[in-house]
C-alpha atoms as a PDB file:
ATOM      1  CA  MET A   1     237.899  30.445 109.598  1.00  0.00           C
ATOM      2  CA  PRO A   2     236.729  26.077 109.032  1.00  0.00           C
ATOM      3  CA  THR A   3     233.206  26.146 109.407  1.00  0.00           C
ATOM      4  CA  LEU A   4     233.304  23.578 112.150  1.00  0.00           C
ATOM      5  CA  LEU A   5     235.606  25.684 114.027  1.00  0.00           C
ATOM      6  CA  LEU A   6     233.237  28.856 113.766  1.00  0.00           C
ATOM      7  CA  GLN A   7     230.087  27.032 114.758  1.00  0.00           C
ATOM      8  CA  ALA A   8     232.333  25.395 118.124  1.00  0.00           C
ATOM      9  CA  PHE A   9     233.002  29.151 118.639  1.00  0.00           C
ATOM     10  CA  GLY A  10     229.580  30.349 118.352  1.00  0.00           C
ATOM     11  CA  LEU A  11     228.711  27.661 120.860  1.00  0.00           C
ATOM     12  CA  LEU A  12     231.259  28.679 123.425  1.00  0.00           C
ATOM     13  CA  LEU A  13     230.202  32.446 123.035  1.00  0.00           C
ATOM     14  CA  LEU A  14     226.714  31.293 123.240  1.00  0.00           C
ATOM     15  CA  LEU A  15     227.117  29.354 126.294  1.00  0.00           C
ATOM     16  CA  ALA A  16     229.053  32.452 128.019  1.00  0.00           C
ATOM     17  CA  ALA A  17     226.421  34.682 127.078  1.00  0.00           C
ATOM     18  CA  LEU A  18     223.587  32.519 128.849  1.00  0.00           C
ATOM     19  CA  ALA A  19     225.866  32.172 131.903  1.00  0.00           C
ATOM     20  CA  LEU A  20     226.180  35.851 131.918  1.00  0.00           C
ATOM     21  CA  GLY A  21     222.440  36.652 131.395  1.00  0.00           C
ATOM     22  CA  THR A  22     221.766  34.057 134.173  1.00  0.00           C
ATOM     23  CA  TRP A  23     224.167  35.983 136.633  1.00  0.00           C
ATOM     24  CA  ARG A  24     222.450  39.371 135.213  1.00  0.00           C
ATOM     25  CA  TRP A  25     218.452  38.484 135.861  1.00  0.00           C
ATOM     26  CA  ILE A  26     217.712  35.053 137.413  1.00  0.00           C
ATOM     27  CA  ARG A  27     220.711  34.948 140.161  1.00  0.00           C
ATOM     28  CA  PRO A  28     219.354  38.093 141.833  1.00  0.00           C
ATOM     29  CA  ARG A  29     215.915  36.567 142.411  1.00  0.00           C
ATOM     30  CA  ALA A  30     216.838  33.096 142.347  1.00  0.00           C
ATOM     31  CA  GLY A  31     215.953  32.591 146.110  1.00  0.00           C
ATOM     32  CA  GLY A  32     212.505  33.514 145.779  1.00  0.00           C
ATOM     33  CA  LEU A  33     211.758  31.887 142.619  1.00  0.00           C
ATOM     34  CA  GLY A  34     210.631  28.151 142.266  1.00  0.00           C
ATOM     35  CA  PHE A  35     211.927  25.705 139.334  1.00  0.00           C
ATOM     36  CA  GLN A  36     209.396  27.090 136.868  1.00  0.00           C
ATOM     37  CA  ALA A  37     209.920  30.520 137.322  1.00  0.00           C
ATOM     38  CA  LYS A  38     213.628  30.382 136.707  1.00  0.00           C
ATOM     39  CA  GLY A  39     212.868  28.226 133.908  1.00  0.00           C
ATOM     40  CA  LEU A  40     210.873  31.103 132.673  1.00  0.00           C
ATOM     41  CA  LEU A  41     213.457  33.636 132.926  1.00  0.00           C
ATOM     42  CA  PHE A  42     215.849  31.584 131.416  1.00  0.00           C
ATOM     43  CA  LEU A  43     214.041  31.025 128.201  1.00  0.00           C
ATOM     44  CA  LEU A  44     213.825  34.811 128.299  1.00  0.00           C
ATOM     45  CA  VAL A  45     217.697  35.177 128.336  1.00  0.00           C
ATOM     46  CA  THR A  46     217.953  32.296 125.506  1.00  0.00           C
ATOM     47  CA  THR A  47     215.538  35.041 123.738  1.00  0.00           C
ATOM     48  CA  LEU A  48     217.540  37.925 124.527  1.00  0.00           C
ATOM     49  CA  VAL A  49     221.238  36.390 123.759  1.00  0.00           C
ATOM     50  CA  GLY A  50     220.345  34.193 120.643  1.00  0.00           C
ATOM     51  CA  GLY A  51     219.094  37.557 118.872  1.00  0.00           C
ATOM     52  CA  LEU A  52     221.806  39.601 119.648  1.00  0.00           C
ATOM     53  CA  LEU A  53     224.664  36.751 118.972  1.00  0.00           C
ATOM     54  CA  GLY A  54     222.788  35.242 115.754  1.00  0.00           C
ATOM     55  CA  SER A  55     221.994  38.970 113.997  1.00  0.00           C
ATOM     56  CA  PRO A  56     225.262  40.151 113.343  1.00  0.00           C
ATOM     57  CA  PHE A  57     226.536  36.854 111.511  1.00  0.00           C
ATOM     58  CA  TRP A  58     222.848  37.123 109.939  1.00  0.00           C
ATOM     59  CA  TRP A  59     223.287  40.331 108.644  1.00  0.00           C
ATOM     60  CA  ILE A  60     226.798  39.682 106.758  1.00  0.00           C
ATOM     61  CA  ASP A  61     224.625  36.794 105.117  1.00  0.00           C
ATOM     62  CA  ASP A  62     227.003  34.514 106.740  1.00  0.00           C
ATOM     63  CA  ALA A  63     225.832  30.849 104.684  1.00  0.00           C
ATOM     64  CA  ARG A  64     227.289  29.114 108.024  1.00  0.00           C
ATOM     65  CA  SER A  65     225.035  31.111 110.440  1.00  0.00           C
ATOM     66  CA  PHE A  66     221.727  29.598 109.241  1.00  0.00           C
ATOM     67  CA  ALA A  67     219.965  26.164 108.344  1.00  0.00           C
ATOM     68  CA  TRP A  68     219.215  27.444 104.951  1.00  0.00           C
ATOM     69  CA  ASP A  69     220.734  29.611 102.874  1.00  0.00           C
ATOM     70  CA  LEU A  70     218.870  33.012 102.607  1.00  0.00           C
ATOM     71  CA  PRO A  71     218.910  35.811  99.726  1.00  0.00           C
ATOM     72  CA  PRO A  72     221.066  39.058 101.402  1.00  0.00           C
ATOM     73  CA  LEU A  73     217.867  41.228 102.131  1.00  0.00           C
ATOM     74  CA  ALA A  74     215.688  38.311 104.077  1.00  0.00           C
ATOM     75  CA  SER A  75     219.044  37.483 105.872  1.00  0.00           C
ATOM     76  CA  ARG A  76     219.452  41.049 107.055  1.00  0.00           C
ATOM     77  CA  MET A  77     215.624  41.306 107.931  1.00  0.00           C
ATOM     78  CA  LEU A  78     216.212  38.045 110.152  1.00  0.00           C
ATOM     79  CA  ALA A  79     219.009  40.010 111.837  1.00  0.00           C
ATOM     80  CA  SER A  80     216.535  42.523 112.443  1.00  0.00           C
ATOM     81  CA  ALA A  81     214.177  40.009 113.724  1.00  0.00           C
ATOM     82  CA  GLY A  82     216.661  38.946 115.958  1.00  0.00           C
ATOM     83  CA  TRP A  83     217.352  42.468 117.275  1.00  0.00           C
ATOM     84  CA  ALA A  84     213.704  43.136 117.803  1.00  0.00           C
ATOM     85  CA  PHE A  85     213.386  39.829 120.016  1.00  0.00           C
ATOM     86  CA  ALA A  86     216.109  40.735 121.900  1.00  0.00           C
ATOM     87  CA  VAL A  87     214.733  44.365 122.894  1.00  0.00           C
ATOM     88  CA  ALA A  88     211.530  42.846 123.656  1.00  0.00           C
ATOM     89  CA  ALA A  89     213.031  40.410 125.844  1.00  0.00           C
ATOM     90  CA  PHE A  90     215.643  42.791 127.332  1.00  0.00           C
ATOM     91  CA  LEU A  91     212.563  44.840 128.687  1.00  0.00           C
ATOM     92  CA  ALA A  92     210.555  42.047 130.158  1.00  0.00           C
ATOM     93  CA  LEU A  93     213.633  40.782 131.900  1.00  0.00           C
ATOM     94  CA  GLU A  94     214.415  44.192 133.460  1.00  0.00           C
ATOM     95  CA  GLN A  95     210.841  44.318 134.492  1.00  0.00           C
ATOM     96  CA  PRO A  96     209.390  40.829 134.253  1.00  0.00           C
ATOM     97  CA  ARG A  97     205.558  41.651 135.318  1.00  0.00           C
ATOM     98  CA  PHE A  98     203.406  39.025 134.485  1.00  0.00           C
ATOM     99  CA  ARG A  99     201.630  40.485 131.064  1.00  0.00           C
ATOM    100  CA  ARG A 100     204.973  41.762 130.131  1.00  0.00           C
ATOM    101  CA  VAL A 101     206.466  37.979 130.026  1.00  0.00           C
ATOM    102  CA  ARG A 102     203.248  36.772 128.697  1.00  0.00           C
ATOM    103  CA  LEU A 103     203.850  39.133 125.397  1.00  0.00           C
ATOM    104  CA  VAL A 104     207.298  37.664 124.607  1.00  0.00           C
ATOM    105  CA  LEU A 105     205.712  34.079 125.053  1.00  0.00           C
ATOM    106  CA  ILE A 106     202.855  35.208 122.847  1.00  0.00           C
ATOM    107  CA  LEU A 107     205.782  36.286 120.146  1.00  0.00           C
ATOM    108  CA  LEU A 108     207.922  33.444 120.442  1.00  0.00           C
ATOM    109  CA  VAL A 109     204.736  31.145 119.461  1.00  0.00           C
ATOM    110  CA  VAL A 110     203.474  32.793 116.701  1.00  0.00           C
ATOM    111  CA  TYR A 111     206.842  33.118 115.064  1.00  0.00           C
ATOM    112  CA  LEU A 112     208.025  29.591 115.506  1.00  0.00           C
ATOM    113  CA  GLY A 113     205.012  27.726 115.473  1.00  0.00           C
ATOM    114  CA  PRO A 114     203.891  28.068 111.920  1.00  0.00           C
ATOM    115  CA  LEU A 115     207.532  28.618 110.708  1.00  0.00           C
ATOM    116  CA  ALA A 116     208.322  25.171 112.148  1.00  0.00           C
ATOM    117  CA  ALA A 117     205.462  23.396 111.072  1.00  0.00           C
ATOM    118  CA  ALA A 118     205.744  24.610 107.426  1.00  0.00           C
ATOM    119  CA  ALA A 119     209.858  23.647 107.352  1.00  0.00           C
ATOM    120  CA  LEU A 120     208.920  20.347 108.818  1.00  0.00           C
ATOM    121  CA  VAL A 121     205.898  19.305 106.616  1.00  0.00           C
ATOM    122  CA  PHE A 122     206.882  21.386 103.306  1.00  0.00           C
ATOM    123  CA  HIS A 123     210.621  22.453 103.287  1.00  0.00           C
ATOM    124  CA  ARG A 124     212.726  19.355 104.428  1.00  0.00           C
ATOM    125  CA  ASP A 125     214.603  19.613 100.964  1.00  0.00           C
ATOM    126  CA  ARG A 126     216.085  23.078 101.838  1.00  0.00           C
ATOM    127  CA  PHE A 127     218.138  21.486 104.857  1.00  0.00           C
ATOM    128  CA  ASP A 128     221.293  20.329 104.634  1.00  0.00           C
ATOM    129  CA  PHE A 129     220.574  16.981 107.248  1.00  0.00           C
ATOM    130  CA  ALA A 130     224.313  16.422 107.288  1.00  0.00           C
ATOM    131  CA  ALA A 131     225.068  19.519 108.726  1.00  0.00           C
ATOM    132  CA  PRO A 132     225.513  20.200 112.676  1.00  0.00           C
ATOM    133  CA  LEU A 133     223.774  23.537 112.032  1.00  0.00           C
ATOM    134  CA  THR A 134     220.574  21.864 110.835  1.00  0.00           C
ATOM    135  CA  TYR A 135     220.045  19.687 113.974  1.00  0.00           C
ATOM    136  CA  ALA A 136     220.835  22.739 116.164  1.00  0.00           C
ATOM    137  CA  PHE A 137     218.193  25.244 114.375  1.00  0.00           C
ATOM    138  CA  LEU A 138     215.748  22.588 114.679  1.00  0.00           C
ATOM    139  CA  GLY A 139     216.636  21.217 118.193  1.00  0.00           C
ATOM    140  CA  ILE A 140     216.581  25.159 119.471  1.00  0.00           C
ATOM    141  CA  ALA A 141     213.569  26.149 117.695  1.00  0.00           C
ATOM    142  CA  ALA A 142     211.533  22.663 118.975  1.00  0.00           C
ATOM    143  CA  LEU A 143     212.650  23.367 122.468  1.00  0.00           C
ATOM    144  CA  MET A 144     211.597  27.365 122.451  1.00  0.00           C
ATOM    145  CA  LEU A 145     208.458  26.421 121.100  1.00  0.00           C
ATOM    146  CA  ILE A 146     207.600  23.816 123.530  1.00  0.00           C
ATOM    147  CA  ALA A 147     208.722  25.836 126.425  1.00  0.00           C
ATOM    148  CA  SER A 148     206.537  28.872 125.139  1.00  0.00           C
ATOM    149  CA  LEU A 149     203.959  26.791 124.653  1.00  0.00           C
ATOM    150  CA  TRP A 150     204.102  25.261 128.206  1.00  0.00           C
ATOM    151  CA  TYR A 151     204.519  28.382 130.096  1.00  0.00           C
ATOM    152  CA  LEU A 152     201.633  30.273 128.151  1.00  0.00           C
ATOM    153  CA  LEU A 153     199.569  27.393 129.710  1.00  0.00           C
ATOM    154  CA  ARG A 154     200.928  27.207 133.072  1.00  0.00           C
ATOM    155  CA  GLN A 155     202.804  30.856 133.356  1.00  0.00           C
ATOM    156  CA  PRO A 156     204.139  31.174 137.142  1.00  0.00           C
ATOM    157  CA  ARG A 157     204.714  34.589 138.430  1.00  0.00           C
ATOM    158  CA  VAL A 158     207.828  36.166 138.820  1.00  0.00           C
ATOM    159  CA  GLN A 159     206.883  39.074 140.608  1.00  0.00           C
ATOM    160  CA  GLN A 160     203.600  38.883 143.017  1.00  0.00           C
ATOM    161  CA  ASN A 161     200.718  41.275 142.261  1.00  0.00           C
ATOM    162  CA  ASP A 162     203.004  43.284 140.067  1.00  0.00           C
ATOM    163  CA  ASP A 163     200.154  44.026 137.207  1.00  0.00           C
ATOM    164  CA  ALA A 164     197.402  45.655 139.677  1.00  0.00           C
ATOM    165  CA  ARG A 165     198.552  49.016 138.938  1.00  0.00           C
ATOM    166  CA  GLU A 166     199.315  48.908 135.421  1.00  0.00           C
ATOM    167  CA  PRO A 167     197.939  51.891 133.541  1.00  0.00           C
ATOM    168  CA  PRO A 168     196.088  51.482 130.060  1.00  0.00           C
ATOM    169  CA  PRO A 169     197.948  52.878 127.277  1.00  0.00           C
ATOM    170  CA  THR A 170     196.727  56.172 125.489  1.00  0.00           C
ATOM    171  CA  LEU A 171     194.413  56.323 122.919  1.00  0.00           C
ATOM    172  CA  ALA A 172     197.023  57.293 120.319  1.00  0.00           C
ATOM    173  CA  MET A 173     198.750  53.799 121.461  1.00  0.00           C
ATOM    174  CA  ARG A 174     195.719  51.865 120.892  1.00  0.00           C
ATOM    175  CA  VAL A 175     195.025  53.199 117.575  1.00  0.00           C
ATOM    176  CA  TRP A 176     198.259  53.172 116.321  1.00  0.00           C
ATOM    177  CA  LEU A 177     198.774  49.410 117.660  1.00  0.00           C
ATOM    178  CA  VAL A 178     195.277  48.575 115.851  1.00  0.00           C
ATOM    179  CA  VAL A 179     196.765  50.012 112.101  1.00  0.00           C
ATOM    180  CA  VAL A 180     200.253  48.557 112.759  1.00  0.00           C
ATOM    181  CA  ALA A 181     198.220  44.900 113.713  1.00  0.00           C
ATOM    182  CA  GLY A 182     196.213  45.324 110.590  1.00  0.00           C
ATOM    183  CA  ALA A 183     198.951  46.044 107.990  1.00  0.00           C
ATOM    184  CA  ALA A 184     201.761  43.343 109.624  1.00  0.00           C
ATOM    185  CA  LEU A 185     198.683  40.937 109.571  1.00  0.00           C
ATOM    186  CA  LEU A 186     197.858  41.118 106.290  1.00  0.00           C
ATOM    187  CA  TRP A 187     200.950  41.501 104.841  1.00  0.00           C
ATOM    188  CA  GLY A 188     202.684  38.629 106.996  1.00  0.00           C
ATOM    189  CA  LEU A 189     199.601  36.128 106.052  1.00  0.00           C
ATOM    190  CA  ALA A 190     200.461  37.163 101.939  1.00  0.00           C
ATOM    191  CA  LEU A 191     204.194  36.508 102.720  1.00  0.00           C
ATOM    192  CA  PHE A 192     203.509  33.220 104.223  1.00  0.00           C
ATOM    193  CA  VAL A 193     200.691  31.701 101.777  1.00  0.00           C
ATOM    194  CA  THR A 194     202.349  32.704  98.544  1.00  0.00           C
ATOM    195  CA  ASP A 195     205.893  33.862  97.497  1.00  0.00           C
ATOM    196  CA  GLY A 196     204.326  36.041  94.772  1.00  0.00           C
ATOM    197  CA  GLY A 197     201.181  37.939  93.800  1.00  0.00           C
ATOM    198  CA  PRO A 198     199.856  40.963  91.967  1.00  0.00           C
ATOM    199  CA  VAL A 199     201.769  43.570  93.901  1.00  0.00           C
ATOM    200  CA  ARG A 200     205.320  42.641  93.000  1.00  0.00           C
ATOM    201  CA  PRO A 201     207.102  44.715  95.920  1.00  0.00           C
ATOM    202  CA  VAL A 202     204.618  43.014  98.508  1.00  0.00           C
ATOM    203  CA  TRP A 203     206.466  39.451  97.849  1.00  0.00           C
ATOM    204  CA  ALA A 204     210.388  39.896  97.658  1.00  0.00           C
ATOM    205  CA  TRP A 205     211.439  36.782  97.248  1.00  0.00           C
ATOM    206  CA  PRO A 206     209.613  34.979  93.987  1.00  0.00           C
ATOM    207  CA  GLY A 207     210.641  31.053  93.972  1.00  0.00           C
ATOM    208  CA  ASP A 208     211.708  31.019  97.720  1.00  0.00           C
ATOM    209  CA  LEU A 209     208.518  30.498  99.850  1.00  0.00           C
ATOM    210  CA  LEU A 210     210.496  29.176 102.676  1.00  0.00           C
ATOM    211  CA  SER A 211     212.402  32.688 102.779  1.00  0.00           C
ATOM    212  CA  SER A 212     209.158  34.691 102.424  1.00  0.00           C
ATOM    213  CA  ARG A 213     207.648  32.505 105.116  1.00  0.00           C
ATOM    214  CA  LEU A 214     210.407  33.061 107.646  1.00  0.00           C
ATOM    215  CA  ILE A 215     209.724  37.064 107.116  1.00  0.00           C
ATOM    216  CA  GLY A 216     205.611  36.655 107.013  1.00  0.00           C
ATOM    217  CA  VAL A 217     206.128  34.607 110.398  1.00  0.00           C
ATOM    218  CA  MET A 218     207.788  38.138 111.601  1.00  0.00           C
ATOM    219  CA  LEU A 219     204.941  40.145 110.646  1.00  0.00           C
ATOM    220  CA  LEU A 220     202.879  37.937 111.965  1.00  0.00           C
ATOM    221  CA  ALA A 221     204.125  38.078 115.062  1.00  0.00           C
ATOM    222  CA  ILE A 222     204.040  41.701 115.360  1.00  0.00           C
ATOM    223  CA  GLY A 223     200.528  41.975 114.598  1.00  0.00           C
ATOM    224  CA  VAL A 224     199.491  39.387 116.626  1.00  0.00           C
ATOM    225  CA  GLY A 225     201.639  41.038 119.710  1.00  0.00           C
ATOM    226  CA  ALA A 226     200.349  44.424 118.790  1.00  0.00           C
ATOM    227  CA  LEU A 227     196.784  43.098 119.717  1.00  0.00           C
ATOM    228  CA  ALA A 228     197.368  41.455 122.289  1.00  0.00           C
ATOM    229  CA  ALA A 229     199.544  44.462 123.862  1.00  0.00           C
ATOM    230  CA  MET A 230     196.728  47.023 123.365  1.00  0.00           C
ATOM    231  CA  ARG A 231     195.233  46.909 126.977  1.00  0.00           C
ATOM    232  CA  HIS A 232     198.034  47.966 129.244  1.00  0.00           C
ATOM    233  CA  ALA A 233     200.468  50.426 128.938  1.00  0.00           C
ATOM    234  CA  GLY A 234     203.789  48.545 129.533  1.00  0.00           C
ATOM    235  CA  PRO A 235     203.225  45.794 127.220  1.00  0.00           C
ATOM    236  CA  ALA A 236     202.238  48.450 124.826  1.00  0.00           C
ATOM    237  CA  ARG A 237     205.413  50.382 125.543  1.00  0.00           C
ATOM    238  CA  MET A 238     207.065  46.970 124.698  1.00  0.00           C
ATOM    239  CA  MET A 239     205.629  46.373 121.309  1.00  0.00           C
ATOM    240  CA  LEU A 240     206.268  49.729 120.452  1.00  0.00           C
ATOM    241  CA  ALA A 241     209.817  49.373 120.744  1.00  0.00           C
ATOM    242  CA  MET A 242     210.206  46.208 119.189  1.00  0.00           C
ATOM    243  CA  ALA A 243     208.151  47.684 116.088  1.00  0.00           C
ATOM    244  CA  ALA A 244     210.348  50.697 115.952  1.00  0.00           C
ATOM    245  CA  THR A 245     213.382  48.396 116.113  1.00  0.00           C
ATOM    246  CA  TYR A 246     212.409  45.898 113.521  1.00  0.00           C
ATOM    247  CA  GLY A 247     211.183  48.582 111.338  1.00  0.00           C
ATOM    248  CA  LEU A 248     214.531  50.304 111.456  1.00  0.00           C
ATOM    249  CA  GLY A 249     216.443  47.563 110.807  1.00  0.00           C
ATOM    250  CA  VAL A 250     214.315  46.664 107.614  1.00  0.00           C
ATOM    251  CA  VAL A 251     215.234  50.326 106.407  1.00  0.00           C
ATOM    252  CA  VAL A 252     218.623  49.966 106.722  1.00  0.00           C
ATOM    253  CA  ALA A 253     218.747  46.826 105.640  1.00  0.00           C
ATOM    254  CA  ASN A 254     217.432  47.759 102.332  1.00  0.00           C
ATOM    255  CA  ALA A 255     219.587  50.953 102.172  1.00  0.00           C
ATOM    256  CA  TRP A 256     222.319  48.287 102.609  1.00  0.00           C
ATOM    257  CA  ASN A 257     221.411  46.920  98.904  1.00  0.00           C
ATOM    258  CA  LEU A 258     222.845  49.973  97.634  1.00  0.00           C
ATOM    259  CA  LEU A 259     226.159  48.745  98.583  1.00  0.00           C
ATOM    260  CA  GLY A 260     226.091  45.839  96.613  1.00  0.00           C
ATOM    261  CA  ALA A 261     224.485  47.673  93.538  1.00  0.00           C
ATOM    262  CA  ARG A 262     221.144  45.854  94.328  1.00  0.00           C
ATOM    263  CA  PRO A 263     217.557  47.539  93.704  1.00  0.00           C
ATOM    264  CA  VAL A 264     216.098  49.050  97.045  1.00  0.00           C
ATOM    265  CA  ASN A 265     212.270  47.888  97.885  1.00  0.00           C
ATOM    266  CA  ALA A 266     210.572  51.112  98.133  1.00  0.00           C
ATOM    267  CA  ALA A 267     207.194  49.591  99.457  1.00  0.00           C
ATOM    268  CA  TYR A 268     209.275  47.781 102.343  1.00  0.00           C
ATOM    269  CA  VAL A 269     211.394  51.058 103.144  1.00  0.00           C
ATOM    270  CA  THR A 270     207.991  53.222 103.191  1.00  0.00           C
ATOM    271  CA  PHE A 271     205.845  50.933 105.137  1.00  0.00           C
ATOM    272  CA  PHE A 272     208.709  49.829 107.649  1.00  0.00           C
ATOM    273  CA  GLY A 273     210.008  53.569 107.695  1.00  0.00           C
ATOM    274  CA  LEU A 274     206.561  54.675 108.754  1.00  0.00           C
ATOM    275  CA  MET A 275     206.195  51.754 111.637  1.00  0.00           C
ATOM    276  CA  ALA A 276     209.163  53.100 113.370  1.00  0.00           C
ATOM    277  CA  LEU A 277     208.828  56.423 113.065  1.00  0.00           C
ATOM    278  CA  GLY A 278     205.395  56.252 114.205  1.00  0.00           C
ATOM    279  CA  SER A 279     206.349  53.605 117.195  1.00  0.00           C
ATOM    280  CA  LEU A 280     209.382  56.075 118.031  1.00  0.00           C
ATOM    281  CA  GLY A 281     207.065  59.131 118.166  1.00  0.00           C
ATOM    282  CA  LEU A 282     204.349  57.441 120.623  1.00  0.00           C
ATOM    283  CA  LEU A 283     207.656  56.051 122.940  1.00  0.00           C
ATOM    284  CA  ALA A 284     209.250  59.879 122.972  1.00  0.00           C
ATOM    285  CA  LEU A 285     205.520  60.703 125.078  1.00  0.00           C
ATOM    286  CA  PRO A 286     205.756  60.381 128.633  1.00  0.00           C
ATOM    287  CA  ALA A 287     204.561  57.043 129.810  1.00  0.00           C
ATOM    288  CA  PRO A 288     201.193  56.602 131.077  1.00  0.00           C
ATOM    289  CA  ARG A 289     201.215  56.464 135.026  1.00  0.00           C
ATOM    290  CA  PRO A 290     199.245  54.367 137.358  1.00  0.00           C
ATOM    291  CA  ALA A 291     195.965  55.997 138.630  1.00  0.00           C
ATOM    292  CA  ALA A 292     197.148  56.057 142.192  1.00  0.00           C
ATOM    293  CA  ALA A 293     200.319  58.156 140.595  1.00  0.00           C
ATOM    294  CA  ARG A 294     198.465  60.400 138.919  1.00  0.00           C
ATOM    295  CA  GLN A 295     196.251  61.446 142.006  1.00  0.00           C
ATOM    296  CA  VAL A 296     199.432  62.497 144.284  1.00  0.00           C
END
């Protein structure tokens, strides 16, 4: 299929999915929401839809689906990030409590902010400014980043008094989130700063700093999100679900290399596999309940 026709089809699919998401999550509450609150929910819908629709094309490493040519493993890890953000956005839309929505905003800012700044300052040569996709990528990233920053500063409530009885996470959840945060922040910073270092398995894309930074910002987002979610059970379980989704995706992305007779990065499989298993194990336990519910 010609590139322009494929991208036009993708745009129509995106608009249809946004309309469906608006009908599902915004329309039922529209009567009681102001303009700002509706805009906030639409940002979450955009995050969900963008992650779901983009990920299949990134997974197959279609060069027409992203603003620069990605190595196959990095493209599949980008797809895994899209699914992980979609999970977080879905959970926030289903229960749009103040702290849960705020967690998604934090994740978006940490993910988009450093990536957009690095791309525009250091990597403009990687973009084809004759291609419409480049402007679509930069425009959508800029709008989502600006909106996320705005709502972090002036976040409206979608539900009133919705966090009053939010219980704290269990001790096991807090400890696990600290472990995940520490490892993800260190690894993400290493990938963002340089594309090569003394431990070869850590830097999977030597010579391609922009792709390394693309993966690094996802780890930074997971690390910051894990720390931000430690005080309340709802956001903590959201982060566990997001970490599990991304971890499983990275493991499968590496296993996919076998289909092309490419090597598997054992360090990535080990770390992200453990992150997924630990997060899934904690999610399988009963969710903490509010204090008032425990006294009944």
